[in-house]
């Protein structure tokens, strides 16, 4: 799954080296960098096997599982580009995260696309509206920064990893919103067709 800034998610971490790395990481009180692997089938991905844009996340809570794994509550803080990967004895891999600077692009286009995303949201977002995070409802109701609106909606669309990464990795806001609206229009069409078939 691809996570977006502003999300709070629960993740399950399998037993073994991933748990040991997270425990060591928690001892340092540093934020985590999460990047998507380009080929999920790789057993031990290296620096060239991950996308260049990921997220900075903070571990809020952890719960030990009976199988030795962990369940962690993670807050996604910001979009980052990753540089300078290196092997690390404790963490497995380490990198230098740099805050990803979003370029606004055409401001009129950004405002029009943000408005279109607000209009499409009730029909395009899956699930029951009462189950949606309150941050998403606020973003849809009040004029919020278009980049945050885009992240809140993208995080709830349930996009497959490649499409989610496409939106996360786009650093030009007008292009990011354009892709988001395209995916939302496809989701609305799918929902409409599903209702007609049922």
Protein backbone atom coordinates (compact mmCIF):
# COMPACT_ATOMS: atom_id res chain seq x y z
CA UNK A 1 0.00 0.00 0.00
CA UNK A 2 1.06 3.58 -0.59
CA UNK A 3 0.65 5.99 2.30
CA UNK A 4 0.09 9.73 1.97
CA UNK A 5 0.89 12.62 4.32
CA UNK A 6 -1.85 13.11 6.89
CA UNK A 7 -2.77 9.43 7.15
CA UNK A 8 -2.75 7.44 10.38
CA UNK A 9 -2.53 3.73 9.59
CA UNK A 10 -2.05 0.42 11.33
CA UNK A 11 0.63 -1.81 9.85
CA UNK A 12 1.61 -5.36 10.70
CA UNK A 13 5.32 -6.05 10.80
CA UNK A 14 6.40 -9.68 10.36
CA UNK A 15 8.64 -11.35 12.95
CA UNK A 16 12.39 -11.47 12.49
CA UNK A 17 14.67 -8.77 11.06
CA UNK A 18 11.84 -6.25 10.35
CA UNK A 19 10.79 -6.27 14.03
CA UNK A 20 14.40 -6.06 15.21
CA UNK A 21 14.97 -3.10 12.88
CA UNK A 22 11.83 -1.33 14.14
CA UNK A 23 12.79 -1.94 17.79
CA UNK A 24 16.24 -0.49 17.17
CA UNK A 25 14.67 2.39 15.30
CA UNK A 26 12.28 3.16 18.17
CA UNK A 27 15.25 3.33 20.55
CA UNK A 28 16.71 6.19 18.46
CA UNK A 29 13.44 8.23 18.51
CA UNK A 30 13.88 9.11 14.84
CA UNK A 31 11.14 9.16 12.22
CA UNK A 32 10.86 6.31 9.72
CA UNK A 33 11.24 6.64 5.98
CA UNK A 34 8.87 4.40 4.03
CA UNK A 35 9.46 3.87 0.31
CA UNK A 36 7.70 1.48 -2.01
CA UNK A 37 9.73 -1.30 -3.60
CA UNK A 38 9.45 -1.27 -7.40
CA UNK A 39 9.23 -5.08 -7.56
CA UNK A 40 7.45 -6.50 -4.47
CA UNK A 41 8.78 -9.97 -5.33
CA UNK A 42 12.37 -9.03 -4.46
CA UNK A 43 13.56 -10.71 -1.29
CA UNK A 44 16.20 -8.17 -0.33
CA UNK A 45 15.73 -4.93 -2.30
CA UNK A 46 18.60 -2.51 -2.65
CA UNK A 47 18.69 1.25 -3.18
CA UNK A 48 18.04 0.95 -6.94
CA UNK A 49 14.96 -1.20 -6.29
CA UNK A 50 12.88 1.46 -4.51
CA UNK A 51 11.05 4.55 -5.71
CA UNK A 52 12.75 7.90 -5.18
CA UNK A 53 9.78 9.47 -3.37
CA UNK A 54 8.35 8.07 -0.17
CA UNK A 55 7.01 9.32 3.14
CA UNK A 56 8.35 10.26 6.53
CA UNK A 57 6.37 8.49 9.25
CA UNK A 58 6.24 8.51 13.03
CA UNK A 59 5.49 5.41 15.09
CA UNK A 60 2.78 6.31 17.61
CA UNK A 61 2.22 2.92 19.29
CA UNK A 62 3.23 -0.69 18.92
CA UNK A 63 1.64 -3.94 20.05
CA UNK A 64 3.54 -7.23 20.23
CA UNK A 65 1.80 -10.10 18.43
CA UNK A 66 1.85 -13.76 19.56
CA UNK A 67 3.86 -14.80 16.48
CA UNK A 68 6.70 -12.38 17.34
CA UNK A 69 5.55 -9.71 14.90
CA UNK A 70 4.33 -6.22 15.75
CA UNK A 71 1.30 -4.16 14.97
CA UNK A 72 2.22 -0.48 14.77
CA UNK A 73 0.14 2.67 14.58
CA UNK A 74 1.93 5.02 12.19
CA UNK A 75 1.34 8.71 11.45
CA UNK A 76 2.48 9.75 7.98
CA UNK A 77 4.09 13.14 8.39
CA UNK A 78 5.46 14.32 5.04
CA UNK A 79 6.43 13.45 1.46
CA UNK A 80 10.19 12.98 1.04
CA UNK A 81 12.72 12.20 -1.61
CA UNK A 82 15.32 9.65 -0.59
CA UNK A 83 19.05 9.84 -1.22
CA UNK A 84 22.28 8.28 -0.03
CA UNK A 85 21.19 4.72 0.72
CA UNK A 86 23.60 2.70 2.80
CA UNK A 87 23.60 -0.68 4.50
CA UNK A 88 23.11 -0.34 8.23
CA UNK A 89 24.02 -3.11 10.72
CA UNK A 90 20.93 -2.54 12.90
CA UNK A 91 18.28 -1.13 10.57
CA UNK A 92 19.15 -3.12 7.45
CA UNK A 93 19.25 0.02 5.30
CA UNK A 94 19.44 3.72 5.97
CA UNK A 95 18.93 6.77 3.76
CA UNK A 96 18.85 10.52 3.90
CA UNK A 97 15.30 11.87 3.54
CA UNK A 98 14.85 15.32 2.03
CA UNK A 99 11.51 17.09 2.26
CA UNK A 100 9.94 16.88 -1.20
CA UNK A 101 9.13 20.39 -2.39
CA UNK A 102 5.86 20.53 -4.28
CA UNK A 103 5.80 22.88 -7.27
CA UNK A 104 2.35 24.46 -7.60
CA UNK A 105 2.23 24.76 -11.38
CA UNK A 106 -0.72 26.60 -12.92
CA UNK A 107 -2.66 28.02 -9.94
CA UNK A 108 -5.96 28.41 -11.81
CA UNK A 109 -5.72 24.81 -12.94
CA UNK A 110 -4.91 23.70 -9.37
CA UNK A 111 -7.97 25.50 -7.97
CA UNK A 112 -10.26 24.09 -10.68
CA UNK A 113 -8.94 20.53 -10.17
CA UNK A 114 -9.25 20.81 -6.37
CA UNK A 115 -12.87 21.88 -6.80
CA UNK A 116 -13.50 18.98 -9.19
CA UNK A 117 -11.97 16.54 -6.68
CA UNK A 118 -14.33 17.87 -3.96
CA UNK A 119 -17.30 17.39 -6.30
CA UNK A 120 -16.30 13.83 -7.26
CA UNK A 121 -15.43 12.65 -3.75
CA UNK A 122 -18.91 11.61 -2.55
CA UNK A 123 -19.34 9.26 -5.52
CA UNK A 124 -15.73 8.16 -6.04
CA UNK A 125 -14.62 7.30 -2.52
CA UNK A 126 -15.37 3.72 -1.46
CA UNK A 127 -17.14 2.71 1.73
CA UNK A 128 -19.57 4.35 4.06
CA UNK A 129 -19.14 8.14 4.43
CA UNK A 130 -19.60 7.82 8.22
CA UNK A 131 -16.48 5.61 8.37
CA UNK A 132 -14.21 8.14 6.70
CA UNK A 133 -11.55 9.94 8.76
CA UNK A 134 -12.67 13.35 10.10
CA UNK A 135 -9.63 14.96 8.43
CA UNK A 136 -11.02 13.94 5.04
CA UNK A 137 -14.44 15.42 5.81
CA UNK A 138 -12.81 18.69 6.87
CA UNK A 139 -10.69 18.75 3.70
CA UNK A 140 -13.80 18.23 1.58
CA UNK A 141 -15.90 20.79 3.45
CA UNK A 142 -13.50 23.65 3.99
CA UNK A 143 -11.14 25.26 1.49
CA UNK A 144 -7.93 23.51 2.47
CA UNK A 145 -4.55 23.58 0.84
CA UNK A 146 -4.99 21.66 -2.45
CA UNK A 147 -1.95 19.47 -1.76
CA UNK A 148 -3.43 18.27 1.54
CA UNK A 149 -6.82 17.73 -0.09
CA UNK A 150 -5.16 15.61 -2.77
CA UNK A 151 -3.29 13.52 -0.17
CA UNK A 152 -6.40 12.97 1.97
CA UNK A 153 -8.46 11.80 -1.00
CA UNK A 154 -5.69 9.68 -2.54
CA UNK A 155 -5.20 7.94 0.80
CA UNK A 156 -8.85 6.88 0.85
CA UNK A 157 -9.31 5.86 -2.80
CA UNK A 158 -7.86 2.38 -2.32
CA UNK A 159 -5.62 2.72 -5.37
CA UNK A 160 -3.32 -0.14 -6.38
CA UNK A 161 0.30 0.50 -5.38
CA UNK A 162 1.58 1.63 -8.82
CA UNK A 163 -1.20 4.22 -9.20
CA UNK A 164 -0.80 5.40 -5.61
CA UNK A 165 2.95 5.75 -6.11
CA UNK A 166 2.29 7.71 -9.31
CA UNK A 167 0.34 10.30 -7.30
CA UNK A 168 2.74 10.28 -4.32
CA UNK A 169 5.77 10.71 -6.57
CA UNK A 170 4.38 13.59 -8.64
CA UNK A 171 5.98 16.78 -7.32
CA UNK A 172 4.01 19.18 -9.53
CA UNK A 173 0.69 19.85 -7.81
CA UNK A 174 -1.29 20.55 -10.98
CA UNK A 175 -0.17 17.22 -12.50
CA UNK A 176 -0.78 15.40 -9.19
CA UNK A 177 -4.35 16.73 -8.97
CA UNK A 178 -4.93 15.96 -12.63
CA UNK A 179 -4.02 12.28 -12.07
CA UNK A 180 -6.11 12.16 -8.89
CA UNK A 181 -9.18 13.52 -10.67
CA UNK A 182 -8.65 11.02 -13.51
CA UNK A 183 -8.59 8.13 -11.01
CA UNK A 184 -11.63 9.56 -9.20
CA UNK A 185 -13.59 9.78 -12.45
CA UNK A 186 -12.76 6.12 -13.20
CA UNK A 187 -13.84 5.14 -9.66
CA UNK A 188 -17.13 7.03 -10.08
CA UNK A 189 -17.77 5.33 -13.44
CA UNK A 190 -17.07 1.91 -11.89
CA UNK A 191 -19.44 2.68 -9.01
CA UNK A 192 -22.18 3.78 -11.42
CA UNK A 193 -21.80 0.65 -13.55
CA UNK A 194 -21.81 -1.58 -10.47
CA UNK A 195 -25.06 -0.01 -9.30
CA UNK A 196 -26.67 -0.50 -12.72
CA UNK A 197 -25.64 -4.17 -12.81
CA UNK A 198 -26.93 -4.84 -9.26
